[in-house]
Amino acid sequence: MHVAAMILGCVFLAGVLLDAFQTIILPRRPVGRFRITRLFFLATWGPWCALAGISPTKRGREQMYSFYGPLSLLLLFVVWAMMLGISYALLYFGMHAPFDDPFARGKVATEWARLWSCIYVSGTTLVTLGLGDVVPKTYAARMLLIVEAGMGLGFVALVIGYLPVLYTAFSTREVAVALLDARAGSPPTAGELMGRHNFDGGHEAMTQLLVEWERWCAEMLETHVSYPILCFYRSQHDNQSWLSALTAMLDTCAVLITAIDSAQDGAPCVRQAQLTFAIGTHTLVDLGHVFRLEGTERRLRDEPAMRLQDEEFARLCALLVKEGFLLCGDIGARERLLAIRRLYEPHALALAKYLRLDLPMWVPPETGKKKDGWSATAALRSPSRVLGSGRRHVSDQSTALHMEQESSDPEG
C-alpha cells in the first residue's frame, strides 16, 4: 500500500509540474491528450454551456459564457494546488508518515489517520503556513518539506506573473476588435467594411487595415495558441467577438482576391489581401488543432456552405457595385469564392460551434439595423442630409449670402 502511494504520488507530481510548465512557461501549443488542463476544460465547459442554456435570453446566456474564462482560470489554479498537495501527501504516506502528530497520541493510529495527517502537513507546507504543530521525525521528511515549501512559493510566483501576461494579450486583442466597429459595423460584415472604405484614399486605408490585421493574426498565433484559455474570454459587447472580427476580415480578403477586378483604378492591394488571408487561415487552423476540432471541421467541410446563400450573394454584389467596386465579369468568380471559403469557413464554423460564438453575415441586414456612431457622424457630414432635414446650418446660410453678394457686385 505504501509503495503504491509513493508511485501514485510521483505520477501526480510529475503530471502537475509538466502541465503547469506547458500551460504557463512553454511558448508553444501544449501536447498530450491526458493533460490536466485539457481534462479540466473537457469536464467543465460542457456542463457550463448546459447551465448557460437555461437562460431564456441571449443576453443572459452571453453573460454566463463571459464568466467562464476568468472563473475557469481561478479554478485551474485551485486544481493545480490541490493536486500538488495530494501528491506530496501520498509521498509522505509512502514514507510511513514520519511525523509526530499530537492528535494521534494516545489513539489507535490507523492507516487512514496517518493519511489525513500527511494531507494536513502537505497542505500547511505548500501554502507556507508553518504552524509547527506536526514535526517531521526523519531527515528525508524534513528535506521533502523544504522542497514542497519552495515549490509552493514558486507556484505563487508563477501565478502572479501569469495573470498580467494573459490580460495584456486580451487587451491587445480587444483593441483591434473595438476599432473594427466603426470600420465594419457591429457585428462586422465584409460588405459594410468595403462600403465604408469607398472614399478618396479609402482603398489605401483598407490596404493599411489589412496590414494591421496581418500583424493581429500573428499576435493571435503567438498568444492564443500558447494560452488557449484566452479563446474563452468574451468581448465587452455582446455583438463583438474576436472570431466574428477575424471571420469578417477573411470574408473581405476572399472577396478582394476572387471577385474584385484588380485592374480597377485605386483597387485595394490584392497581394496584401492574400497575405492577410494566409495568416488568418493559419490562425483558425491552429486554434482548431488546440481544441482538437478536426472531426467537426471535416463534417462541416462536407456539408453545403450555409453562410452565403444565393440571395445574400446577390445582395453582396449589388452593394459592392453600388459602392463603386468593379466586379469580375467572368462566371467563375462565384466558384472561386466558394473554393476559397472552404479553406477557412469549416475551421471558423467549428470554433464558433465549440465556443458558442456567432459568425457574422456577409452584408448587414436590410431591416432592424441599428444606427451606430459612424452612421450618425457620416449623416452629419453629408450636406444633402443636412439640407434635407428642413434646417440649414449657419455655415450654409453664410455661404449662400456671400455668393449672392458676390454675384450682385460685378467688380467683385
Protein backbone atom coordinates (compact mmCIF):
# COMPACT_ATOMS: atom_id res chain seq x y z
CA MET A 1 0.00 0.00 0.00
CA HIS A 2 2.80 2.39 0.88
CA VAL A 3 4.69 1.55 -2.29
CA ALA A 4 1.56 2.19 -4.38
CA ALA A 5 1.07 5.54 -2.63
CA MET A 6 4.68 6.51 -3.36
CA ILE A 7 4.32 5.62 -7.06
CA LEU A 8 0.96 7.40 -7.36
CA GLY A 9 2.37 10.48 -5.66
CA CYS A 10 5.29 10.62 -8.10
CA VAL A 11 2.93 10.27 -11.07
CA PHE A 12 0.63 13.03 -9.79
CA LEU A 13 3.54 15.33 -9.06
CA ALA A 14 5.10 14.81 -12.48
CA GLY A 15 1.73 15.36 -14.17
CA VAL A 16 1.05 18.63 -12.35
CA LEU A 17 4.54 20.02 -12.95
CA LEU A 18 4.51 19.07 -16.63
CA ASP A 19 1.03 20.51 -17.16
CA ALA A 20 1.86 23.77 -15.41
CA PHE A 21 5.10 24.03 -17.38
CA GLN A 22 3.32 23.52 -20.71
CA THR A 23 0.46 25.86 -19.83
CA ILE A 24 2.39 28.76 -18.28
CA ILE A 25 6.04 28.63 -19.33
CA LEU A 26 6.31 26.74 -22.64
CA PRO A 27 5.73 29.24 -25.53
CA ARG A 28 4.09 26.78 -27.92
CA ARG A 29 1.00 24.63 -28.26
CA PRO A 30 0.68 22.11 -25.39
CA VAL A 31 0.60 18.46 -26.40
CA GLY A 32 -0.89 15.39 -24.77
CA ARG A 33 -4.42 14.01 -24.58
CA PHE A 34 -4.37 13.44 -20.83
CA ARG A 35 -3.09 16.80 -19.66
CA ILE A 36 -4.78 18.13 -16.54
CA THR A 37 -5.71 21.42 -18.21
CA ARG A 38 -7.33 19.70 -21.20
CA LEU A 39 -9.27 17.31 -18.96
CA PHE A 40 -10.33 20.25 -16.80
CA PHE A 41 -11.81 22.10 -19.78
CA LEU A 42 -13.49 18.95 -21.08
CA ALA A 43 -15.08 18.38 -17.69
CA THR A 44 -16.25 21.95 -17.11
CA TRP A 45 -17.04 23.63 -20.47
CA GLY A 46 -19.86 21.27 -21.47
CA PRO A 47 -21.75 21.50 -18.15
CA TRP A 48 -21.22 25.27 -18.09
CA CYS A 49 -22.77 25.58 -21.57
CA ALA A 50 -25.71 23.46 -20.43
CA LEU A 51 -26.14 25.72 -17.41
CA ALA A 52 -25.99 28.83 -19.58
CA GLY A 53 -28.58 27.32 -21.92
CA ILE A 54 -31.15 27.52 -19.13
CA SER A 55 -31.31 31.30 -19.58
CA PRO A 56 -34.25 32.22 -21.85
CA THR A 57 -32.50 35.28 -23.33
CA LYS A 58 -29.40 35.53 -25.48
CA ARG A 59 -28.04 38.32 -23.30
CA GLY A 60 -28.28 36.13 -20.23
CA ARG A 61 -26.50 33.28 -21.98
CA GLU A 62 -23.73 35.57 -23.18
CA GLN A 63 -23.31 36.86 -19.64
CA MET A 64 -22.86 33.30 -18.40
CA TYR A 65 -20.37 32.49 -21.14
CA SER A 66 -18.37 35.60 -20.26
CA PHE A 67 -17.92 34.34 -16.68
CA TYR A 68 -16.35 31.06 -17.74
CA GLY A 69 -12.94 32.32 -18.90
CA PRO A 70 -11.87 34.21 -15.75
CA LEU A 71 -13.59 31.73 -13.42
CA SER A 72 -12.01 28.69 -15.08
CA LEU A 73 -8.60 30.32 -14.73
CA LEU A 74 -9.05 30.63 -10.96
CA LEU A 75 -10.42 27.10 -10.67
CA LEU A 76 -7.48 25.75 -12.68
CA PHE A 77 -5.07 27.27 -10.16
CA VAL A 78 -7.05 25.63 -7.36
CA VAL A 79 -6.92 22.25 -9.12
CA TRP A 80 -3.15 22.51 -9.56
CA ALA A 81 -2.65 23.46 -5.90
CA MET A 82 -4.87 20.63 -4.67
CA MET A 83 -3.10 18.07 -6.84
CA LEU A 84 0.29 19.29 -5.65
CA GLY A 85 -0.83 18.93 -2.05
CA ILE A 86 -2.22 15.44 -2.64
CA SER A 87 0.96 14.40 -4.48
CA TYR A 88 3.20 15.30 -1.53
CA ALA A 89 0.72 13.79 0.90
CA LEU A 90 0.97 10.46 -0.92
CA LEU A 91 4.77 10.73 -0.86
CA TYR A 92 4.73 11.31 2.91
CA PHE A 93 2.32 8.41 3.35
CA GLY A 94 4.60 6.21 1.25
CA MET A 95 7.40 7.10 3.70
CA HIS A 96 5.21 5.63 6.52
CA ALA A 97 4.05 9.06 7.72
CA PRO A 98 7.25 10.14 9.54
CA PHE A 99 5.59 12.84 11.67
CA ASP A 100 4.93 13.47 15.33
CA ASP A 101 1.24 14.41 15.30
CA PRO A 102 -0.18 15.43 18.73
CA PHE A 103 -3.69 14.48 17.63
CA ALA A 104 -2.55 10.90 17.11
CA ARG A 105 -1.08 10.48 20.60
CA GLY A 106 -2.93 8.05 22.80
CA LYS A 107 -5.11 6.88 19.95
CA VAL A 108 -5.00 3.92 17.68
CA ALA A 109 -3.14 5.25 14.67
CA THR A 110 -4.91 3.68 11.72
CA GLU A 111 -3.69 4.00 8.15
CA TRP A 112 -6.45 6.48 7.35
CA ALA A 113 -5.47 8.61 10.33
CA ARG A 114 -1.87 8.67 9.12
CA LEU A 115 -3.05 9.61 5.63
CA TRP A 116 -5.08 12.54 6.93
CA SER A 117 -2.07 13.65 8.96
CA CYS A 118 0.04 13.58 5.79
CA ILE A 119 -2.58 15.62 3.92
CA TYR A 120 -2.60 18.21 6.71
CA VAL A 121 1.20 18.51 6.70
CA SER A 122 1.31 18.77 2.91
CA GLY A 123 -1.36 21.49 2.82
CA THR A 124 0.22 23.67 5.50
CA THR A 125 3.66 23.29 3.92
CA LEU A 126 2.52 24.10 0.38
CA VAL A 127 0.92 27.39 1.46
CA THR A 128 3.91 28.04 3.78
CA LEU A 129 1.65 28.27 6.84
CA GLY A 130 4.30 26.76 9.13
CA LEU A 131 2.35 26.21 12.37
CA GLY A 132 4.89 23.72 13.68
CA ASP A 133 2.27 21.53 15.39
CA VAL A 134 3.31 18.47 13.38
CA VAL A 135 7.05 17.79 13.40
CA PRO A 136 8.93 15.53 10.95
CA LYS A 137 10.94 12.78 12.62
CA THR A 138 13.33 11.85 9.79
CA TYR A 139 15.84 13.78 7.72
CA ALA A 140 14.20 12.62 4.49
CA ALA A 141 10.85 14.06 5.59
CA ARG A 142 12.50 17.35 6.56
CA MET A 143 14.16 17.68 3.17
CA LEU A 144 10.93 16.86 1.35
CA LEU A 145 9.11 19.50 3.41
CA ILE A 146 11.67 22.11 2.34
CA VAL A 147 11.23 21.13 -1.31
CA GLU A 148 7.45 21.39 -1.05
CA ALA A 149 7.60 24.78 0.66
CA GLY A 150 9.91 26.10 -2.05
CA MET A 151 7.60 24.72 -4.72
CA GLY A 152 4.66 26.47 -3.07
CA LEU A 153 6.46 29.81 -3.26
CA GLY A 154 7.37 29.17 -6.89
CA PHE A 155 3.78 28.30 -7.71
CA VAL A 156 2.55 31.59 -6.24
CA ALA A 157 5.20 33.50 -8.23
CA LEU A 158 4.15 31.78 -11.47
CA VAL A 159 0.50 32.66 -10.86
CA ILE A 160 1.38 36.30 -10.17
CA GLY A 161 3.44 36.50 -13.36
CA TYR A 162 0.88 34.57 -15.45
CA LEU A 163 -2.10 36.89 -14.94
CA PRO A 164 -0.53 40.11 -16.37
CA VAL A 165 0.60 38.21 -19.49
CA LEU A 166 -2.92 36.91 -20.09
CA TYR A 167 -4.68 40.21 -19.61
CA THR A 168 -2.13 42.11 -21.69
CA ALA A 169 -2.75 39.72 -24.58
CA PHE A 170 -6.51 40.02 -24.07
CA SER A 171 -6.37 43.81 -24.06
CA THR A 172 -4.24 43.90 -27.23
CA ARG A 173 -6.70 41.61 -28.97
CA GLU A 174 -9.75 43.63 -27.99
CA VAL A 175 -8.32 46.98 -29.12
CA ALA A 176 -8.33 45.85 -32.75
CA VAL A 177 -11.80 44.30 -32.37
CA ALA A 178 -13.17 47.55 -30.95
CA LEU A 179 -11.58 49.63 -33.72
CA LEU A 180 -13.29 47.45 -36.30
CA ASP A 181 -16.69 48.57 -35.01
CA ALA A 182 -16.55 51.91 -36.84
CA ARG A 183 -14.92 50.39 -39.92
CA ALA A 184 -17.13 47.34 -40.50
CA GLY A 185 -20.22 47.77 -38.35
CA SER A 186 -21.30 45.89 -35.27
CA PRO A 187 -21.34 42.97 -35.79
CA PRO A 188 -18.78 43.39 -38.59
CA THR A 189 -19.53 42.33 -42.16
CA ALA A 190 -17.39 42.24 -45.27
CA GLY A 191 -19.89 44.27 -47.29
CA GLU A 192 -20.05 47.02 -44.68
CA LEU A 193 -16.27 47.12 -44.37
CA MET A 194 -15.78 47.59 -48.10
CA GLY A 195 -18.65 50.05 -48.38
CA ARG A 196 -17.33 52.30 -45.62
CA HIS A 197 -13.96 52.48 -47.37
CA ASN A 198 -15.46 53.89 -50.56
CA PHE A 199 -13.94 57.37 -50.38
CA ASP A 200 -10.92 59.20 -51.74
CA GLY A 201 -7.96 57.33 -50.34
CA GLY A 202 -10.24 54.65 -48.90
CA HIS A 203 -8.62 51.81 -50.82
CA GLU A 204 -5.23 52.76 -49.40
CA ALA A 205 -6.81 52.86 -45.94
CA MET A 206 -8.22 49.38 -46.48
CA THR A 207 -4.82 48.11 -47.55
CA GLN A 208 -3.32 49.55 -44.37
CA LEU A 209 -6.11 47.91 -42.37
CA LEU A 210 -5.23 44.57 -43.93
CA VAL A 211 -1.61 45.11 -42.91
CA GLU A 212 -2.68 45.77 -39.32
CA TRP A 213 -4.82 42.64 -39.24
CA GLU A 214 -1.99 40.58 -40.67
CA ARG A 215 0.04 41.54 -37.61
CA TRP A 216 -3.00 40.99 -35.36
CA CYS A 217 -3.31 37.41 -36.63
CA ALA A 218 0.38 36.81 -35.99
CA GLU A 219 -0.08 38.03 -32.41
CA MET A 220 -3.06 35.70 -32.04
CA LEU A 221 -0.86 32.79 -33.11
CA GLU A 222 1.74 33.82 -30.55
CA THR A 223 -0.64 34.29 -27.61
CA HIS A 224 -3.82 32.24 -28.06
CA VAL A 225 -2.07 29.08 -29.23
CA SER A 226 0.22 29.27 -26.19
CA TYR A 227 -2.62 30.33 -23.85
CA PRO A 228 -5.83 28.75 -25.27
CA ILE A 229 -7.83 29.89 -22.24
CA LEU A 230 -7.93 33.36 -23.84
CA CYS A 231 -10.30 31.99 -26.50
CA PHE A 232 -12.97 31.68 -23.81
CA TYR A 233 -12.65 35.35 -22.86
CA ARG A 234 -15.58 37.30 -24.29
CA SER A 235 -15.51 40.86 -25.64
CA GLN A 236 -17.15 43.60 -23.60
CA HIS A 237 -20.05 43.93 -26.06
CA ASP A 238 -22.31 41.02 -26.95
CA ASN A 239 -22.29 41.81 -30.69
CA GLN A 240 -18.49 41.73 -30.87
CA SER A 241 -16.05 38.85 -30.68
CA TRP A 242 -12.55 38.08 -31.86
CA LEU A 243 -13.87 35.21 -34.00
CA SER A 244 -16.51 37.29 -35.80
CA ALA A 245 -13.97 40.06 -36.43
CA LEU A 246 -11.41 37.63 -37.84
CA THR A 247 -14.04 35.92 -39.99
CA ALA A 248 -15.23 39.27 -41.37
CA MET A 249 -11.68 40.17 -42.32
CA LEU A 250 -11.21 36.79 -44.02
CA ASP A 251 -14.50 37.29 -45.87
CA THR A 252 -13.22 40.66 -47.08
CA CYS A 253 -9.94 39.14 -48.23
CA ALA A 254 -11.81 36.36 -50.02
CA VAL A 255 -13.95 38.88 -51.95
CA LEU A 256 -10.92 41.01 -52.85
CA ILE A 257 -8.98 38.00 -54.10
CA THR A 258 -11.70 36.30 -56.13
CA ALA A 259 -14.46 38.77 -57.07
CA ILE A 260 -12.97 42.29 -57.36
CA ASP A 261 -11.31 43.39 -60.60
CA SER A 262 -7.74 44.18 -59.58
CA ALA A 263 -7.30 46.34 -62.69
CA GLN A 264 -9.69 48.91 -61.24
CA ASP A 265 -8.08 52.26 -60.52
CA GLY A 266 -7.36 52.58 -56.82
CA ALA A 267 -8.40 48.99 -56.07
CA PRO A 268 -7.14 47.60 -52.75
CA CYS A 269 -3.90 45.67 -52.90
CA VAL A 270 -4.80 42.06 -53.72
CA ARG A 271 -1.33 40.94 -52.71
CA GLN A 272 -1.86 42.27 -49.19
CA ALA A 273 -5.28 40.58 -49.08
CA GLN A 274 -3.56 37.30 -49.92
CA LEU A 275 -1.01 37.77 -47.12
CA THR A 276 -3.67 38.62 -44.55
CA PHE A 277 -5.82 35.72 -45.71
CA ALA A 278 -2.93 33.27 -45.37
CA ILE A 279 -2.05 34.21 -41.79
CA GLY A 280 -5.72 34.48 -40.78
CA THR A 281 -6.48 30.99 -42.07
CA HIS A 282 -3.36 29.70 -40.32
CA THR A 283 -4.67 31.15 -37.06
CA LEU A 284 -8.04 29.42 -37.36
CA VAL A 285 -6.44 26.10 -38.28
CA ASP A 286 -4.02 26.13 -35.36
CA LEU A 287 -6.69 27.11 -32.85
CA GLY A 288 -8.85 24.27 -34.14
CA HIS A 289 -5.95 21.88 -33.51
CA VAL A 290 -5.58 23.22 -29.97
CA PHE A 291 -9.18 22.29 -29.16
CA ARG A 292 -8.98 19.10 -31.28
CA LEU A 293 -11.83 20.05 -33.60
CA GLU A 294 -10.55 18.16 -36.63
CA GLY A 295 -13.56 15.83 -36.71
CA THR A 296 -16.03 18.72 -36.57
CA GLU A 297 -14.13 20.54 -39.31
CA ARG A 298 -14.28 17.51 -41.61
CA ARG A 299 -18.03 17.17 -41.14
CA LEU A 300 -18.61 20.87 -41.80
CA ARG A 301 -16.39 20.76 -44.90
CA ASP A 302 -18.59 18.08 -46.42
CA GLU A 303 -21.82 19.97 -45.74
CA PRO A 304 -23.12 22.67 -48.10
CA ALA A 305 -21.93 26.16 -47.23
CA MET A 306 -24.68 27.93 -45.28
CA ARG A 307 -23.22 31.36 -44.63
CA LEU A 308 -23.53 32.76 -48.17
CA GLN A 309 -26.71 31.71 -49.92
CA ASP A 310 -27.67 32.90 -53.40
CA GLU A 311 -29.85 35.71 -52.09
CA GLU A 312 -27.15 37.08 -49.81
CA PHE A 313 -24.54 36.73 -52.55
CA ALA A 314 -26.75 38.81 -54.85
CA ARG A 315 -27.14 41.43 -52.11
CA LEU A 316 -23.36 41.47 -51.63
CA CYS A 317 -22.73 42.03 -55.34
CA ALA A 318 -25.39 44.75 -55.51
CA LEU A 319 -23.87 46.51 -52.50
CA LEU A 320 -20.35 46.40 -53.93
CA VAL A 321 -21.49 47.70 -57.33
CA LYS A 322 -23.45 50.47 -55.63
CA GLU A 323 -20.34 51.47 -53.67
CA GLY A 324 -18.30 51.72 -56.87
CA PHE A 325 -16.38 48.44 -56.89
CA LEU A 326 -15.79 46.79 -60.26
CA LEU A 327 -16.61 43.09 -60.04
CA CYS A 328 -15.05 40.39 -62.16
CA GLY A 329 -17.29 39.70 -65.12
CA ASP A 330 -16.46 36.02 -65.62
CA ILE A 331 -18.85 33.31 -64.49
CA GLY A 332 -16.16 31.57 -62.46
CA ALA A 333 -15.99 34.29 -59.78
CA ARG A 334 -18.67 32.60 -57.69
CA GLU A 335 -16.87 29.25 -57.90
CA ARG A 336 -13.56 30.82 -56.94
CA LEU A 337 -15.21 32.48 -53.95
CA LEU A 338 -16.73 29.16 -52.88
CA ALA A 339 -13.37 27.42 -53.23
CA ILE A 340 -11.53 29.97 -51.10
CA ARG A 341 -14.28 29.91 -48.48
CA ARG A 342 -13.73 26.20 -47.99
CA LEU A 343 -10.18 26.98 -46.84
CA TYR A 344 -11.30 28.81 -43.69
CA GLU A 345 -15.07 28.54 -43.14
CA PRO A 346 -15.07 24.96 -41.76
CA HIS A 347 -12.48 25.99 -39.15
CA ALA A 348 -14.41 29.16 -38.25
CA LEU A 349 -17.69 27.25 -38.01
CA ALA A 350 -16.11 24.56 -35.81
CA LEU A 351 -14.66 27.15 -33.43
CA ALA A 352 -17.96 29.04 -33.35
CA LYS A 353 -19.85 25.86 -32.51
CA TYR A 354 -17.42 24.87 -29.77
CA LEU A 355 -17.01 28.32 -28.17
CA ARG A 356 -20.71 29.27 -28.60
CA LEU A 357 -19.87 32.33 -30.70
CA ASP A 358 -21.80 33.76 -33.64
CA LEU A 359 -20.24 34.22 -37.06
CA PRO A 360 -21.02 37.42 -38.98
CA MET A 361 -23.13 37.79 -42.09
CA TRP A 362 -21.60 38.92 -45.37
CA VAL A 363 -23.79 42.01 -45.68
CA PRO A 364 -25.66 43.93 -42.98
CA PRO A 365 -29.35 43.08 -42.60
CA GLU A 366 -31.79 45.13 -44.63
CA THR A 367 -34.17 45.67 -41.70
CA GLY A 368 -33.67 46.06 -37.99
CA LYS A 369 -30.23 47.61 -38.37
CA LYS A 370 -29.37 49.94 -35.53
CA LYS A 371 -27.70 53.23 -36.36
CA ASP A 372 -24.23 53.30 -34.87
CA GLY A 373 -21.91 56.20 -34.16
CA TRP A 374 -20.24 56.02 -37.56
CA SER A 375 -23.55 56.28 -39.43
CA ALA A 376 -24.65 59.27 -37.35
CA THR A 377 -21.36 61.06 -37.98
CA ALA A 378 -21.49 60.32 -41.71
CA ALA A 379 -25.03 61.71 -41.89
CA LEU A 380 -23.99 64.96 -40.22
CA ARG A 381 -21.02 65.27 -42.57
CA SER A 382 -23.18 64.92 -45.72
CA PRO A 383 -24.53 68.28 -46.94
CA SER A 384 -27.53 66.61 -48.61
CA ARG A 385 -28.56 65.06 -45.30
CA VAL A 386 -28.28 68.41 -43.51
CA LEU A 387 -30.27 70.31 -46.15
CA GLY A 388 -32.87 67.61 -46.35
CA SER A 389 -33.61 67.83 -42.64
CA GLY A 390 -35.54 71.12 -43.07
CA ARG A 391 -32.95 73.20 -41.24
CA ARG A 392 -29.91 74.86 -42.74
CA HIS A 393 -26.71 75.13 -40.84
CA VAL A 394 -25.42 78.65 -40.16
CA SER A 395 -22.38 77.98 -42.36
CA ASP A 396 -24.69 77.14 -45.28
CA GLN A 397 -26.63 80.38 -44.77
CA SER A 398 -23.43 82.43 -44.59
CA THR A 399 -22.10 80.80 -47.75
CA ALA A 400 -25.33 81.45 -49.66
CA LEU A 401 -25.40 85.12 -48.54
CA HIS A 402 -21.76 85.56 -49.54
CA MET A 403 -22.40 84.08 -53.01
CA GLU A 404 -25.40 86.40 -53.55
CA GLN A 405 -23.28 89.42 -52.63
CA GLU A 406 -20.50 88.33 -54.99
CA SER A 407 -22.92 87.84 -57.90
CA SER A 408 -24.56 91.26 -57.37
CA ASP A 409 -21.20 93.07 -57.29
CA PRO A 410 -19.73 92.97 -60.86
CA GLU A 411 -16.37 94.28 -59.66
CA GLY A 412 -16.14 91.53 -57.07
